[in-house]
Amino acid sequence: MKVYEIRDGFGIESLALATRPDPKPGPGQVLLRIRACSLNYRDLLLVKGVYNPKMNLPRIPCSDAVGEIVALGEGAKRYPVGTRVAGLFMPGWLEGDLNDAKAKTALAGSVDGLLSEYAVLPEESVVVVPEHLTDEEAATLPCAAVTAWNGLVEAGRVRPGETVLVQGTGGVSLFALQFAHLAGASVLLTSSSDEKLTRARQLGAKETINYRTNPEWGETVRKMTQGRGVDHVIEVGGAGTLAQSLRAVRTGGHIALIGVLSGYGQFNPLPILMKGVRVTGIYVGSGTMFEAMNRAIRLHQLRPVVDRVFPFEQAVEAFRYMESAAHFGKIVIRVA
């Protein structure tokens, strides 16, 4: 089978097409013919050697994919051949709380990812994807969608009538916008692009802020909420944006800490104490969360926002496109 490997050091230029033997499913496993993979910012950091510079190479990148079950290992009987499924971001996190053992099973970390023509996964670590979605849309769910669902619904416990601040227009952010809208919450969204802000309003964002022309956007959010602040913040920036998020959130509000798009650094934790803010670290989610999210997606016929689809032969270009930060929503690689 054909696969993409990070080899001979890190960097997008290190991604290379290679051939490996076709895998065979073992006991309790299923063999997937991969149809599509989606990219996450984590994948870019991994390829560039930022996420885990000590990672053993070669390594197949990409944690998110949808595929068709084409063979069953001995004893596997949960799904029949022909079922379209997606793998869990962490095949070991089926339910309950996250722990060290579950975290170590994350795909494209200490084990290979799914940017390949075939892959083998435990049968309990795949879920049936909503039937109304295309392969490219379904491939966006395992990391970005589950992360947004966990941060807003599971950990955030969002309620109708509440306010949600969403940062940016990447995959997690747009899923958060869509899920908040389904929950009856009002969404405020930030971006550095007026064009992207216009598109976000078309998706349901009530208020938008250009953070490049309005760097003190935390204060602007408070004015937009009559001085109260928002109930929830989907924090994807990290240290560079957290101070503004703490300004924007209400006393007793919730911040789902998800990403580090603005880099690493220091911030003053005093507002967390003084305002009684609940900060939750979100590292994707479990299989039970994935299943619950899929039920909501099916019920509301929600469709993920896919910016651009690249053919398998142009996977390197897909990573370069993600590096440009020009995308609105998800970037997908069509494999089969």
Protein backbone atom coordinates (compact mmCIF):
# COMPACT_ATOMS: atom_id res chain seq x y z
CA MET A 1 0.00 0.00 0.00
CA LYS A 2 1.01 3.63 -0.45
CA VAL A 3 1.61 5.78 2.63
CA TYR A 4 3.09 9.15 3.48
CA GLU A 5 5.97 9.13 5.96
CA ILE A 6 7.87 11.75 7.90
CA ARG A 7 11.41 10.60 7.28
CA ASP A 8 14.97 11.90 7.34
CA GLY A 9 14.18 14.64 9.84
CA PHE A 10 11.28 17.01 10.30
CA GLY A 11 9.71 19.62 8.05
CA ILE A 12 7.03 19.58 5.37
CA GLU A 13 9.75 18.83 2.85
CA SER A 14 10.45 15.59 4.75
CA LEU A 15 7.02 14.15 3.88
CA ALA A 16 7.56 11.42 1.33
CA LEU A 17 5.36 8.90 -0.46
CA ALA A 18 6.42 5.35 0.39
CA THR A 19 5.25 1.75 -0.02
CA ARG A 20 4.57 -0.61 2.87
CA PRO A 21 3.11 -4.12 2.98
CA ASP A 22 -0.68 -4.27 3.11
CA PRO A 23 -1.69 -4.71 6.77
CA LYS A 24 -3.81 -7.62 7.98
CA PRO A 25 -6.26 -7.40 10.89
CA GLY A 26 -5.46 -9.39 14.01
CA PRO A 27 -7.92 -10.72 16.58
CA GLY A 28 -10.62 -8.14 17.35
CA GLN A 29 -9.37 -5.76 14.66
CA VAL A 30 -10.78 -4.37 11.42
CA LEU A 31 -9.01 -3.47 8.20
CA LEU A 32 -10.01 -0.10 6.74
CA ARG A 33 -9.63 1.08 3.18
CA ILE A 34 -9.05 4.77 3.86
CA ARG A 35 -11.21 7.09 1.78
CA ALA A 36 -10.25 10.51 3.15
CA CYS A 37 -8.05 12.14 5.80
CA SER A 38 -8.42 15.59 7.32
CA LEU A 39 -5.65 17.82 8.65
CA ASN A 40 -5.43 19.33 12.12
CA TYR A 41 -2.98 21.95 13.35
CA ARG A 42 -1.46 19.19 15.47
CA ASP A 43 -0.53 17.36 12.26
CA LEU A 44 1.36 20.39 11.00
CA LEU A 45 3.22 20.76 14.32
CA LEU A 46 4.03 17.06 14.27
CA VAL A 47 5.44 17.14 10.74
CA LYS A 48 7.52 20.22 11.57
CA GLY A 49 8.96 18.57 14.70
CA VAL A 50 7.37 21.04 17.12
CA TYR A 51 4.80 18.70 18.63
CA ASN A 52 7.19 15.88 19.52
CA PRO A 53 10.78 16.52 18.43
CA LYS A 54 11.87 13.17 19.93
CA MET A 55 9.38 11.14 17.91
CA ASN A 56 10.83 8.06 16.27
CA LEU A 57 10.94 8.20 12.48
CA PRO A 58 9.68 7.24 9.99
CA ARG A 59 6.12 7.98 11.10
CA ILE A 60 2.83 8.14 9.18
CA PRO A 61 1.05 11.41 10.07
CA CYS A 62 -2.65 12.33 10.43
CA SER A 63 -4.99 11.12 13.14
CA ASP A 64 -8.30 11.71 11.36
CA ALA A 65 -9.72 9.55 8.61
CA VAL A 66 -12.84 7.84 7.38
CA GLY A 67 -12.75 4.48 5.67
CA GLU A 68 -14.63 1.35 4.71
CA ILE A 69 -14.21 -1.90 6.61
CA VAL A 70 -12.89 -4.40 4.06
CA ALA A 71 -11.79 -7.28 6.31
CA LEU A 72 -12.35 -8.55 9.85
CA GLY A 73 -9.86 -10.13 12.20
CA GLU A 74 -10.67 -13.25 14.20
CA GLY A 75 -13.53 -12.60 16.63
CA ALA A 76 -14.36 -9.15 15.25
CA LYS A 77 -18.13 -8.94 14.85
CA ARG A 78 -19.21 -5.47 15.94
CA TYR A 79 -19.50 -4.16 12.35
CA PRO A 80 -19.95 -6.01 9.04
CA VAL A 81 -17.65 -5.62 6.07
CA GLY A 82 -18.67 -2.58 4.05
CA THR A 83 -19.45 -0.35 7.04
CA ARG A 84 -18.15 3.22 6.76
CA VAL A 85 -16.41 4.27 9.96
CA ALA A 86 -13.96 6.74 11.47
CA GLY A 87 -11.28 5.87 13.98
CA LEU A 88 -11.02 7.44 17.42
CA PHE A 89 -8.26 10.01 17.85
CA MET A 90 -7.15 7.92 20.84
CA PRO A 91 -8.13 4.30 20.16
CA GLY A 92 -7.63 3.53 23.85
CA TRP A 93 -10.05 6.19 25.12
CA LEU A 94 -13.42 4.52 24.77
CA GLU A 95 -15.17 6.10 27.76
CA GLY A 96 -14.62 7.66 31.18
CA ASP A 97 -11.92 10.14 32.11
CA LEU A 98 -8.65 10.60 30.26
CA ASN A 99 -5.54 9.07 31.83
CA ASP A 100 -1.91 8.56 30.85
CA ALA A 101 -2.47 5.14 29.30
CA LYS A 102 -5.33 6.37 27.10
CA ALA A 103 -3.42 9.50 26.04
CA LYS A 104 -0.48 7.41 24.84
CA THR A 105 -2.69 5.73 22.22
CA ALA A 106 -3.17 8.94 20.20
CA LEU A 107 -2.72 8.25 16.50
CA ALA A 108 0.24 9.86 14.71
CA GLY A 109 2.04 10.25 18.03
CA SER A 110 3.87 7.26 19.43
CA VAL A 111 2.11 5.12 16.80
CA ASP A 112 1.49 5.62 13.08
CA GLY A 113 -1.34 7.76 11.80
CA LEU A 114 -3.76 7.22 8.93
CA LEU A 115 -2.39 9.04 5.85
CA SER A 116 -2.27 5.72 4.00
CA GLU A 117 -4.38 3.56 1.72
CA TYR A 118 -5.15 1.00 4.45
CA ALA A 119 -5.05 0.87 8.24
CA VAL A 120 -5.85 -1.58 11.02
CA LEU A 121 -7.69 -0.53 14.20
CA PRO A 122 -9.42 -2.33 17.10
CA GLU A 123 -13.10 -2.82 16.27
CA GLU A 124 -14.16 -1.03 19.45
CA SER A 125 -12.09 2.00 18.42
CA VAL A 126 -14.09 2.91 15.30
CA VAL A 127 -17.53 4.52 15.08
CA VAL A 128 -20.09 4.61 12.29
CA VAL A 129 -20.20 8.09 10.74
CA PRO A 130 -23.45 9.91 9.85
CA GLU A 131 -24.87 8.67 6.58
CA HIS A 132 -25.66 12.09 5.11
CA LEU A 133 -22.01 13.19 5.17
CA THR A 134 -19.59 12.77 2.28
CA ASP A 135 -16.33 10.95 2.93
CA GLU A 136 -14.51 14.28 3.01
CA GLU A 137 -16.97 15.73 5.53
CA ALA A 138 -16.93 12.63 7.73
CA ALA A 139 -13.11 12.66 7.85
CA THR A 140 -13.22 15.98 9.72
CA LEU A 141 -14.96 14.56 12.80
CA PRO A 142 -12.50 12.56 14.98
CA CYS A 143 -10.35 15.41 16.33
CA ALA A 144 -11.74 18.86 15.51
CA ALA A 145 -15.42 18.06 15.92
CA VAL A 146 -15.02 15.91 19.04
CA THR A 147 -12.75 18.55 20.58
CA ALA A 148 -15.36 21.26 20.03
CA TRP A 149 -18.12 18.99 21.34
CA ASN A 150 -16.14 18.13 24.46
CA GLY A 151 -15.16 21.72 25.19
CA LEU A 152 -18.62 23.17 24.66
CA VAL A 153 -21.12 20.41 25.44
CA GLU A 154 -19.43 17.81 27.66
CA ALA A 155 -17.11 20.01 29.74
CA GLY A 156 -18.82 23.33 29.06
CA ARG A 157 -22.42 22.18 29.56
CA VAL A 158 -23.61 24.98 27.27
CA ARG A 159 -27.24 26.02 27.69
CA PRO A 160 -29.76 27.86 25.49
CA GLY A 161 -29.45 31.61 25.80
CA GLU A 162 -25.81 31.56 26.87
CA THR A 163 -23.01 33.36 25.02
CA VAL A 164 -19.97 31.69 23.48
CA LEU A 165 -16.77 33.37 22.29
CA VAL A 166 -15.06 31.46 19.48
CA GLN A 167 -11.55 32.27 18.30
CA GLY A 168 -10.74 31.99 14.63
CA THR A 169 -12.23 30.04 11.74
CA GLY A 170 -10.30 26.79 11.81
CA GLY A 171 -11.89 23.37 12.17
CA VAL A 172 -12.45 23.35 15.95
CA SER A 173 -13.71 26.93 15.95
CA LEU A 174 -16.30 26.43 13.21
CA PHE A 175 -17.54 23.21 14.78
CA ALA A 176 -17.90 25.12 18.07
CA LEU A 177 -19.90 27.79 16.22
CA GLN A 178 -22.19 25.16 14.74
CA PHE A 179 -22.67 23.23 18.00
CA ALA A 180 -23.34 26.43 19.95
CA HIS A 181 -25.95 27.41 17.38
CA LEU A 182 -27.63 23.99 17.75
CA ALA A 183 -27.69 24.47 21.54
CA GLY A 184 -29.43 27.82 21.23
CA ALA A 185 -26.42 29.84 22.36
CA SER A 186 -25.31 33.18 20.92
CA VAL A 187 -21.84 33.22 19.31
CA LEU A 188 -19.22 35.97 19.13
CA LEU A 189 -16.28 35.17 16.86
CA THR A 190 -12.85 36.67 16.25
CA SER A 191 -10.64 36.57 13.17
CA SER A 192 -7.98 38.68 11.48
CA SER A 193 -9.85 38.52 8.16
CA ASP A 194 -12.96 40.59 7.45
CA GLU A 195 -13.83 38.16 4.65
CA LYS A 196 -13.77 35.23 7.08
CA LEU A 197 -15.83 37.23 9.58
CA THR A 198 -18.49 37.75 6.92
CA ARG A 199 -18.58 34.02 6.22
CA ALA A 200 -18.82 33.30 9.96
CA ARG A 201 -21.87 35.55 10.23
CA GLN A 202 -23.45 33.56 7.41
CA LEU A 203 -22.93 30.43 9.52
CA GLY A 204 -24.70 31.98 12.50
CA ALA A 205 -22.20 34.12 14.40
CA LYS A 206 -24.14 37.00 15.97
CA GLU A 207 -21.18 39.34 16.56
CA THR A 208 -17.70 39.35 15.00
CA ILE A 209 -14.45 41.11 15.86
CA ASN A 210 -11.30 41.63 13.80
CA TYR A 211 -8.59 41.06 16.39
CA ARG A 212 -5.90 42.55 14.18
CA THR A 213 -7.59 45.96 14.02
CA ASN A 214 -9.00 45.54 17.52
CA PRO A 215 -6.20 44.01 19.64
CA GLU A 216 -8.05 44.71 22.92
CA TRP A 217 -10.92 42.52 21.83
CA GLY A 218 -11.53 41.25 25.36
CA GLU A 219 -12.86 44.67 26.31
CA THR A 220 -14.92 44.81 23.11
CA VAL A 221 -16.54 41.50 24.01
CA ARG A 222 -17.52 42.89 27.41
CA LYS A 223 -19.15 45.89 25.73
CA MET A 224 -21.01 43.61 23.36
CA THR A 225 -22.38 41.71 26.37
CA GLN A 226 -23.37 44.86 28.30
CA GLY A 227 -20.37 44.51 30.61
CA ARG A 228 -21.18 40.99 31.76
CA GLY A 229 -18.80 38.93 29.63
CA VAL A 230 -19.43 35.67 27.80
CA ASP A 231 -20.36 32.39 29.46
CA HIS A 232 -17.90 30.29 27.47
CA VAL A 233 -14.66 30.80 25.57
CA ILE A 234 -13.30 28.31 23.03
CA GLU A 235 -9.63 29.15 23.56
CA VAL A 236 -7.48 27.94 20.66
CA GLY A 237 -4.75 30.58 20.82
CA GLY A 238 -3.03 29.67 24.05
CA ALA A 239 -0.69 32.00 25.94
CA GLY A 240 -0.93 34.79 23.38
CA THR A 241 -4.71 35.14 23.62
CA LEU A 242 -5.54 33.86 27.10
CA ALA A 243 -5.26 37.28 28.75
CA GLN A 244 -7.90 38.69 26.40
CA SER A 245 -10.09 35.62 26.91
CA LEU A 246 -9.93 36.14 30.68
CA ARG A 247 -11.03 39.71 30.14
CA ALA A 248 -13.88 38.60 27.91
CA VAL A 249 -15.29 35.80 30.10
CA ARG A 250 -17.81 36.53 32.82
CA THR A 251 -17.19 35.98 36.50
CA GLY A 252 -17.80 32.27 37.09
CA GLY A 253 -17.59 31.54 33.37
CA HIS A 254 -15.85 28.72 31.54
CA ILE A 255 -12.80 28.62 29.26
CA ALA A 256 -12.17 25.48 27.21
CA LEU A 257 -8.39 25.54 26.71
CA ILE A 258 -7.83 23.72 23.44
CA GLY A 259 -4.96 25.00 21.32
CA VAL A 260 -1.67 26.91 21.15
CA LEU A 261 -2.03 28.66 17.81
CA SER A 262 -0.48 31.85 19.21
CA GLY A 263 2.49 29.95 20.62
CA TYR A 264 3.79 29.35 24.11
CA GLY A 265 4.61 31.87 26.78
CA GLN A 266 3.54 33.25 30.13
CA PHE A 267 0.30 34.76 31.35
CA ASN A 268 -1.03 36.15 34.62
CA PRO A 269 -3.30 33.57 36.32
CA LEU A 270 -4.69 36.07 38.83
CA PRO A 271 -7.92 36.76 36.85
CA ILE A 272 -8.75 33.05 37.04
CA LEU A 273 -8.71 33.30 40.82
CA MET A 274 -10.37 36.67 41.16
CA LYS A 275 -13.19 35.87 38.73
CA GLY A 276 -13.66 32.23 39.72
CA VAL A 277 -13.21 31.14 36.12
CA ARG A 278 -13.36 27.43 35.36
CA VAL A 279 -10.58 26.51 32.91
CA THR A 280 -10.77 23.04 31.36
CA GLY A 281 -7.95 21.49 29.38
CA ILE A 282 -9.48 19.73 26.38
CA TYR A 283 -7.53 16.96 24.65
CA VAL A 284 -10.07 15.77 22.07
CA GLY A 285 -12.53 13.29 23.65
CA SER A 286 -13.67 9.71 24.16
CA GLY A 287 -15.55 7.25 22.01
CA THR A 288 -18.77 7.83 23.94
CA MET A 289 -18.45 11.57 23.25
CA PHE A 290 -17.93 10.83 19.55
CA GLU A 291 -21.10 8.70 19.48
CA ALA A 292 -23.15 11.37 21.29
CA MET A 293 -21.90 14.05 18.91
CA ASN A 294 -22.78 11.90 15.89
CA ARG A 295 -26.35 11.53 17.16
CA ALA A 296 -26.67 15.33 17.26
CA ILE A 297 -25.10 15.67 13.79
CA ARG A 298 -27.55 13.11 12.37
CA LEU A 299 -30.56 14.70 14.05
CA HIS A 300 -29.79 18.20 12.80
CA GLN A 301 -28.26 17.09 9.48
CA LEU A 302 -25.25 19.28 10.31
CA ARG A 303 -22.58 19.49 7.64
CA PRO A 304 -18.93 20.25 8.48
CA VAL A 305 -17.27 23.18 6.73
CA VAL A 306 -14.67 21.85 4.29
CA ASP A 307 -12.45 24.52 2.77
CA ARG A 308 -10.52 22.50 0.20
CA VAL A 309 -9.94 18.89 -0.83
CA PHE A 310 -6.55 17.72 -2.13
CA PRO A 311 -5.89 14.44 -3.96
CA PHE A 312 -3.64 11.91 -2.23
CA GLU A 313 -0.79 12.72 -4.59
CA GLN A 314 -0.85 16.36 -3.38
CA ALA A 315 -0.72 15.70 0.36
CA VAL A 316 2.43 17.82 0.74
CA GLU A 317 0.60 20.76 -0.85
CA ALA A 318 -2.24 20.26 1.64
CA PHE A 319 0.19 20.70 4.53
CA ARG A 320 1.64 23.82 2.93
CA TYR A 321 -1.86 25.20 2.53
CA MET A 322 -2.53 24.64 6.23
CA GLU A 323 0.74 26.40 7.05
CA SER A 324 -0.49 29.44 5.08
CA ALA A 325 -3.50 29.78 7.45
CA ALA A 326 -5.64 30.80 4.47
CA HIS A 327 -8.25 28.10 5.08
CA PHE A 328 -11.78 28.56 6.42
CA GLY A 329 -12.80 25.28 8.05
CA LYS A 330 -11.17 21.96 7.32
CA ILE A 331 -8.55 20.80 4.82
CA VAL A 332 -9.06 17.27 3.54
CA ILE A 333 -6.97 14.78 1.55
CA ARG A 334 -8.96 12.36 -0.62
CA VAL A 335 -7.22 8.99 -0.47
CA ALA A 336 -9.41 6.51 -2.33
